[in-house]
Amino acid sequence: MQLIRTTFLIFLLTLSNLAFSATKAELDAEIKVALDELYKFSPAAKELTSKAKGMLVFPGIIKAGLVFGGAYGEGALIIGGKKVQYYNNIGGSVGFQIGVQKRSEVYVFMTDAALNDFRNRSGWEAGGDASVAVAVWGVGGEINTESINDPVIAFVYSDKGLMYNLTLEGGKISKIDTPK
C-alpha cells in the first residue's frame, strides 16, 4: 500500500510540474488565448460572458491517469476585465483510466451572490459547493443565452472544440499566490 501511495504522489508531482505556468505573463497570455478560442467556438459564449459578474478561466487543465488519476491547472478570476486573483484546480480519481487530456474550463458567474459565495470560500468544488450548469451546445456551437438561468455556467473545451457530456465534480479550486 505504501508503494502505491508513493507512486501516486510521484505521479501527481510530475503532473503538476507539467501544468505549472512559468510566469504570470505566460499564464495571462494563455488565459487570453483560451478566451479567444471559446469565443471562436461559440459567439454566444461571448454574449453570455459579457453579462457575467465575473469569470474564472483555467486555460490548460492537464488530466492524466493510469489506474490512479490526477488533474491540475492554474487560472484567474476576471472581474470587470481585470484579473483579481489567481487559482489552481486540483483533482484526483481512482478507477480504470489511462491517458492524458488537456482542456480549458471557464466558469461564468451570472449573479453577484454566486460570485461572492465563490470568493468568500477558502476552497470551492464545482458540483459540491455550488450548482454549476455545464453549457449544452446545439448545432454549430450555438446556445440559447436567454434560457440560461443558472447562477454559475461552465464551458469545457479543448483545441479541437467544445466538449459534451462532462462532469466537473471532483476538482477543488483554491486561491494561489500571484505567479511571478
C-alpha atoms as a PDB file:
ATOM      1  CA  MET A   1       0.000   0.000   0.000  1.00  0.00           C
ATOM      2  CA  GLN A   2       2.875   2.364   0.798  1.00  0.00           C
ATOM      3  CA  LEU A   3       4.344   1.718  -2.671  1.00  0.00           C
ATOM      4  CA  ILE A   4       1.021   2.638  -4.301  1.00  0.00           C
ATOM      5  CA  ARG A   5       0.796   5.887  -2.318  1.00  0.00           C
ATOM      6  CA  THR A   6       4.394   6.803  -3.127  1.00  0.00           C
ATOM      7  CA  THR A   7       3.875   6.073  -6.827  1.00  0.00           C
ATOM      8  CA  PHE A   8       0.677   8.123  -6.827  1.00  0.00           C
ATOM      9  CA  LEU A   9       2.396  11.097  -5.152  1.00  0.00           C
ATOM     10  CA  ILE A  10       5.272  10.974  -7.651  1.00  0.00           C
ATOM     11  CA  PHE A  11       2.714  10.836 -10.460  1.00  0.00           C
ATOM     12  CA  LEU A  12       0.841  13.876  -9.110  1.00  0.00           C
ATOM     13  CA  LEU A  13       4.053  15.852  -8.620  1.00  0.00           C
ATOM     14  CA  THR A  14       5.115  15.100 -12.185  1.00  0.00           C
ATOM     15  CA  LEU A  15       1.671  16.077 -13.451  1.00  0.00           C
ATOM     16  CA  SER A  16       1.668  19.340 -11.507  1.00  0.00           C
ATOM     17  CA  ASN A  17       5.125  20.254 -12.836  1.00  0.00           C
ATOM     18  CA  LEU A  18       3.847  19.774 -16.396  1.00  0.00           C
ATOM     19  CA  ALA A  19       0.854  22.033 -15.757  1.00  0.00           C
ATOM     20  CA  PHE A  20       2.567  24.936 -13.950  1.00  0.00           C
ATOM     21  CA  SER A  21       2.821  28.165 -15.875  1.00  0.00           C
ATOM     22  CA  ALA A  22       6.315  29.581 -15.572  1.00  0.00           C
ATOM     23  CA  THR A  23       5.313  33.224 -15.132  1.00  0.00           C
ATOM     24  CA  LYS A  24       2.326  35.483 -14.614  1.00  0.00           C
ATOM     25  CA  ALA A  25       2.817  36.864 -18.127  1.00  0.00           C
ATOM     26  CA  GLU A  26       2.658  33.350 -19.627  1.00  0.00           C
ATOM     27  CA  LEU A  27      -0.466  32.441 -17.643  1.00  0.00           C
ATOM     28  CA  ASP A  28      -2.129  35.729 -18.605  1.00  0.00           C
ATOM     29  CA  ALA A  29      -1.306  35.067 -22.279  1.00  0.00           C
ATOM     30  CA  GLU A  30      -2.725  31.522 -22.013  1.00  0.00           C
ATOM     31  CA  ILE A  31      -5.930  32.931 -20.494  1.00  0.00           C
ATOM     32  CA  LYS A  32      -6.326  35.348 -23.410  1.00  0.00           C
ATOM     33  CA  VAL A  33      -5.819  32.539 -25.937  1.00  0.00           C
ATOM     34  CA  ALA A  34      -8.307  30.301 -24.085  1.00  0.00           C
ATOM     35  CA  LEU A  35     -10.983  33.009 -24.150  1.00  0.00           C
ATOM     36  CA  ASP A  36     -10.308  33.754 -27.827  1.00  0.00           C
ATOM     37  CA  GLU A  37     -10.763  30.024 -28.576  1.00  0.00           C
ATOM     38  CA  LEU A  38     -14.017  29.885 -26.593  1.00  0.00           C
ATOM     39  CA  TYR A  39     -15.427  32.866 -28.466  1.00  0.00           C
ATOM     40  CA  LYS A  40     -14.308  31.336 -31.780  1.00  0.00           C
ATOM     41  CA  PHE A  41     -16.137  28.085 -30.987  1.00  0.00           C
ATOM     42  CA  SER A  42     -19.285  29.934 -29.936  1.00  0.00           C
ATOM     43  CA  PRO A  43     -20.013  33.636 -30.367  1.00  0.00           C
ATOM     44  CA  ALA A  44     -22.946  33.087 -27.979  1.00  0.00           C
ATOM     45  CA  ALA A  45     -20.405  32.418 -25.211  1.00  0.00           C
ATOM     46  CA  LYS A  46     -19.043  35.928 -25.678  1.00  0.00           C
ATOM     47  CA  GLU A  47     -22.530  37.360 -25.325  1.00  0.00           C
ATOM     48  CA  LEU A  48     -23.090  35.355 -22.144  1.00  0.00           C
ATOM     49  CA  THR A  49     -19.751  36.324 -20.579  1.00  0.00           C
ATOM     50  CA  SER A  50     -20.448  39.995 -21.327  1.00  0.00           C
ATOM     51  CA  LYS A  51     -23.452  39.733 -18.957  1.00  0.00           C
ATOM     52  CA  ALA A  52     -21.460  37.945 -16.241  1.00  0.00           C
ATOM     53  CA  LYS A  53     -20.448  39.408 -12.886  1.00  0.00           C
ATOM     54  CA  GLY A  54     -17.131  37.566 -13.197  1.00  0.00           C
ATOM     55  CA  MET A  55     -15.474  34.564 -14.797  1.00  0.00           C
ATOM     56  CA  LEU A  56     -12.867  32.068 -13.698  1.00  0.00           C
ATOM     57  CA  VAL A  57     -10.642  30.906 -16.555  1.00  0.00           C
ATOM     58  CA  PHE A  58      -8.413  27.816 -16.463  1.00  0.00           C
ATOM     59  CA  PRO A  59      -6.648  27.759 -19.841  1.00  0.00           C
ATOM     60  CA  GLY A  60      -4.978  24.375 -19.511  1.00  0.00           C
ATOM     61  CA  ILE A  61      -6.054  21.682 -17.083  1.00  0.00           C
ATOM     62  CA  ILE A  62      -3.940  18.582 -17.577  1.00  0.00           C
ATOM     63  CA  LYS A  63      -5.646  15.350 -16.584  1.00  0.00           C
ATOM     64  CA  ALA A  64      -3.716  12.072 -16.624  1.00  0.00           C
ATOM     65  CA  GLY A  65      -4.382   8.623 -15.292  1.00  0.00           C
ATOM     66  CA  LEU A  66      -3.143   5.074 -15.098  1.00  0.00           C
ATOM     67  CA  VAL A  67      -5.494   3.441 -12.550  1.00  0.00           C
ATOM     68  CA  PHE A  68      -4.854   6.472 -10.299  1.00  0.00           C
ATOM     69  CA  GLY A  69      -5.503   9.813 -11.911  1.00  0.00           C
ATOM     70  CA  GLY A  70      -4.808  13.427 -11.232  1.00  0.00           C
ATOM     71  CA  ALA A  71      -5.601  16.782 -12.741  1.00  0.00           C
ATOM     72  CA  TYR A  72      -4.005  20.189 -12.310  1.00  0.00           C
ATOM     73  CA  GLY A  73      -4.338  23.626 -13.829  1.00  0.00           C
ATOM     74  CA  GLU A  74      -3.924  27.279 -12.949  1.00  0.00           C
ATOM     75  CA  GLY A  75      -6.125  30.202 -13.883  1.00  0.00           C
ATOM     76  CA  ALA A  76      -7.506  33.555 -12.833  1.00  0.00           C
ATOM     77  CA  LEU A  77     -10.721  35.200 -11.722  1.00  0.00           C
ATOM     78  CA  ILE A  78     -11.622  38.090 -14.013  1.00  0.00           C
ATOM     79  CA  ILE A  79     -13.997  40.830 -12.857  1.00  0.00           C
ATOM     80  CA  GLY A  80     -14.669  43.882 -14.971  1.00  0.00           C
ATOM     81  CA  GLY A  81     -11.990  42.820 -17.459  1.00  0.00           C
ATOM     82  CA  LYS A  82      -9.237  42.665 -14.794  1.00  0.00           C
ATOM     83  CA  LYS A  83      -7.600  39.650 -13.199  1.00  0.00           C
ATOM     84  CA  VAL A  84      -8.262  39.996  -9.474  1.00  0.00           C
ATOM     85  CA  GLN A  85      -6.996  36.651  -8.090  1.00  0.00           C
ATOM     86  CA  TYR A  86      -5.194  33.518  -9.292  1.00  0.00           C
ATOM     87  CA  TYR A  87      -6.405  29.985  -8.554  1.00  0.00           C
ATOM     88  CA  ASN A  88      -5.485  26.357  -9.071  1.00  0.00           C
ATOM     89  CA  ASN A  89      -7.761  23.449  -9.873  1.00  0.00           C
ATOM     90  CA  ILE A  90      -6.647  20.098  -8.433  1.00  0.00           C
ATOM     91  CA  GLY A  91      -8.418  16.771  -8.777  1.00  0.00           C
ATOM     92  CA  GLY A  92      -7.776  13.100  -8.210  1.00  0.00           C
ATOM     93  CA  SER A  93      -9.513   9.869  -9.081  1.00  0.00           C
ATOM     94  CA  VAL A  94      -9.192   6.107  -8.763  1.00  0.00           C
ATOM     95  CA  GLY A  95     -10.529   3.545 -11.205  1.00  0.00           C
ATOM     96  CA  PHE A  96      -9.978   2.221 -14.689  1.00  0.00           C
ATOM     97  CA  GLN A  97      -8.350   5.040 -16.632  1.00  0.00           C
ATOM     98  CA  ILE A  98      -5.430   5.523 -18.942  1.00  0.00           C
ATOM     99  CA  GLY A  99      -4.241   8.518 -20.906  1.00  0.00           C
ATOM    100  CA  VAL A 100      -3.619  12.241 -20.821  1.00  0.00           C
ATOM    101  CA  GLN A 101      -6.009  15.063 -21.719  1.00  0.00           C
ATOM    102  CA  LYS A 102      -5.668  18.835 -21.793  1.00  0.00           C
ATOM    103  CA  ARG A 103      -8.744  21.001 -21.647  1.00  0.00           C
ATOM    104  CA  SER A 104      -9.840  24.511 -20.754  1.00  0.00           C
ATOM    105  CA  GLU A 105     -12.579  25.369 -18.283  1.00  0.00           C
ATOM    106  CA  VAL A 106     -14.354  28.702 -17.918  1.00  0.00           C
ATOM    107  CA  TYR A 107     -16.767  29.260 -15.032  1.00  0.00           C
ATOM    108  CA  VAL A 108     -19.134  32.182 -15.603  1.00  0.00           C
ATOM    109  CA  PHE A 109     -20.700  33.751 -12.507  1.00  0.00           C
ATOM    110  CA  MET A 110     -24.020  35.266 -13.560  1.00  0.00           C
ATOM    111  CA  THR A 111     -25.056  36.695 -10.177  1.00  0.00           C
ATOM    112  CA  ASP A 112     -23.328  38.761  -7.514  1.00  0.00           C
ATOM    113  CA  ALA A 113     -24.406  36.187  -4.919  1.00  0.00           C
ATOM    114  CA  ALA A 114     -22.706  33.307  -6.774  1.00  0.00           C
ATOM    115  CA  LEU A 115     -19.541  35.344  -7.320  1.00  0.00           C
ATOM    116  CA  ASN A 116     -19.386  36.478  -3.690  1.00  0.00           C
ATOM    117  CA  ASP A 117     -20.007  32.938  -2.434  1.00  0.00           C
ATOM    118  CA  PHE A 118     -17.102  31.687  -4.554  1.00  0.00           C
ATOM    119  CA  ARG A 119     -14.754  34.487  -3.471  1.00  0.00           C
ATOM    120  CA  ASN A 120     -15.537  34.026   0.238  1.00  0.00           C
ATOM    121  CA  ARG A 121     -14.664  30.318   0.344  1.00  0.00           C
ATOM    122  CA  SER A 122     -11.165  29.056   1.055  1.00  0.00           C
ATOM    123  CA  GLY A 123     -11.717  26.184  -1.376  1.00  0.00           C
ATOM    124  CA  TRP A 124     -14.534  25.523  -3.823  1.00  0.00           C
ATOM    125  CA  GLU A 125     -15.789  22.406  -5.577  1.00  0.00           C
ATOM    126  CA  ALA A 126     -17.891  22.665  -8.703  1.00  0.00           C
ATOM    127  CA  GLY A 127     -20.875  20.420  -8.167  1.00  0.00           C
ATOM    128  CA  GLY A 128     -20.088  20.156  -4.452  1.00  0.00           C
ATOM    129  CA  ASP A 129     -20.172  23.697  -3.097  1.00  0.00           C
ATOM    130  CA  ALA A 130     -22.216  25.191  -5.901  1.00  0.00           C
ATOM    131  CA  SER A 131     -24.658  24.175  -8.566  1.00  0.00           C
ATOM    132  CA  VAL A 132     -22.825  24.542 -11.856  1.00  0.00           C
ATOM    133  CA  ALA A 133     -24.569  24.080 -15.176  1.00  0.00           C
ATOM    134  CA  VAL A 134     -22.339  22.836 -17.984  1.00  0.00           C
ATOM    135  CA  ALA A 135     -23.300  24.726 -21.133  1.00  0.00           C
ATOM    136  CA  VAL A 136     -25.047  22.460 -23.637  1.00  0.00           C
ATOM    137  CA  TRP A 137     -24.272  23.170 -27.249  1.00  0.00           C
ATOM    138  CA  GLY A 138     -26.536  22.827 -30.217  1.00  0.00           C
ATOM    139  CA  VAL A 139     -25.735  22.615 -33.897  1.00  0.00           C
ATOM    140  CA  GLY A 140     -22.960  24.993 -34.911  1.00  0.00           C
ATOM    141  CA  GLY A 141     -21.910  25.711 -31.327  1.00  0.00           C
ATOM    142  CA  GLU A 142     -24.978  27.801 -30.557  1.00  0.00           C
ATOM    143  CA  ILE A 143     -26.552  28.115 -27.144  1.00  0.00           C
ATOM    144  CA  ASN A 144     -29.731  29.914 -26.222  1.00  0.00           C
ATOM    145  CA  THR A 145     -28.407  32.560 -23.819  1.00  0.00           C
ATOM    146  CA  GLU A 146     -31.917  33.756 -22.946  1.00  0.00           C
ATOM    147  CA  SER A 147     -32.946  30.397 -21.439  1.00  0.00           C
ATOM    148  CA  ILE A 148     -29.952  30.007 -19.099  1.00  0.00           C
ATOM    149  CA  ASN A 149     -30.935  30.900 -15.543  1.00  0.00           C
ATOM    150  CA  ASP A 150     -28.235  29.129 -13.526  1.00  0.00           C
ATOM    151  CA  PRO A 151     -26.003  31.279 -11.286  1.00  0.00           C
ATOM    152  CA  VAL A 152     -22.810  29.547 -12.489  1.00  0.00           C
ATOM    153  CA  ILE A 153     -22.274  28.206 -16.013  1.00  0.00           C
ATOM    154  CA  ALA A 154     -19.223  26.233 -17.114  1.00  0.00           C
ATOM    155  CA  PHE A 155     -17.735  25.915 -20.582  1.00  0.00           C
ATOM    156  CA  VAL A 156     -15.374  22.996 -21.158  1.00  0.00           C
ATOM    157  CA  TYR A 157     -13.371  22.703 -24.362  1.00  0.00           C
ATOM    158  CA  SER A 158     -10.097  21.666 -25.949  1.00  0.00           C
ATOM    159  CA  ASP A 159      -8.262  22.948 -29.002  1.00  0.00           C
ATOM    160  CA  LYS A 160     -10.485  20.619 -31.030  1.00  0.00           C
ATOM    161  CA  GLY A 161     -13.671  22.342 -29.885  1.00  0.00           C
ATOM    162  CA  LEU A 162     -16.367  22.240 -27.262  1.00  0.00           C
ATOM    163  CA  MET A 163     -16.720  19.096 -25.158  1.00  0.00           C
ATOM    164  CA  TYR A 164     -20.041  17.425 -24.392  1.00  0.00           C
ATOM    165  CA  ASN A 165     -21.472  15.369 -21.520  1.00  0.00           C
ATOM    166  CA  LEU A 166     -18.853  16.224 -18.924  1.00  0.00           C
ATOM    167  CA  THR A 167     -18.925  16.304 -15.173  1.00  0.00           C
ATOM    168  CA  LEU A 168     -16.949  18.861 -13.214  1.00  0.00           C
ATOM    169  CA  GLU A 169     -17.196  17.110  -9.858  1.00  0.00           C
ATOM    170  CA  GLY A 170     -14.035  16.056  -8.094  1.00  0.00           C
ATOM    171  CA  GLY A 171     -11.864  19.120  -8.654  1.00  0.00           C
ATOM    172  CA  LYS A 172     -11.067  21.561  -5.873  1.00  0.00           C
ATOM    173  CA  ILE A 173     -10.424  25.191  -6.739  1.00  0.00           C
ATOM    174  CA  SER A 174      -8.233  27.195  -4.352  1.00  0.00           C
ATOM    175  CA  LYS A 175      -6.557  30.599  -4.252  1.00  0.00           C
ATOM    176  CA  ILE A 176      -2.840  30.744  -5.034  1.00  0.00           C
ATOM    177  CA  ASP A 177      -0.261  33.489  -4.846  1.00  0.00           C
ATOM    178  CA  THR A 178       0.091  35.587  -7.966  1.00  0.00           C
ATOM    179  CA  PRO A 179       2.661  33.880 -10.227  1.00  0.00           C
ATOM    180  CA  LYS A 180       5.990  35.711 -10.535  1.00  0.00           C
END
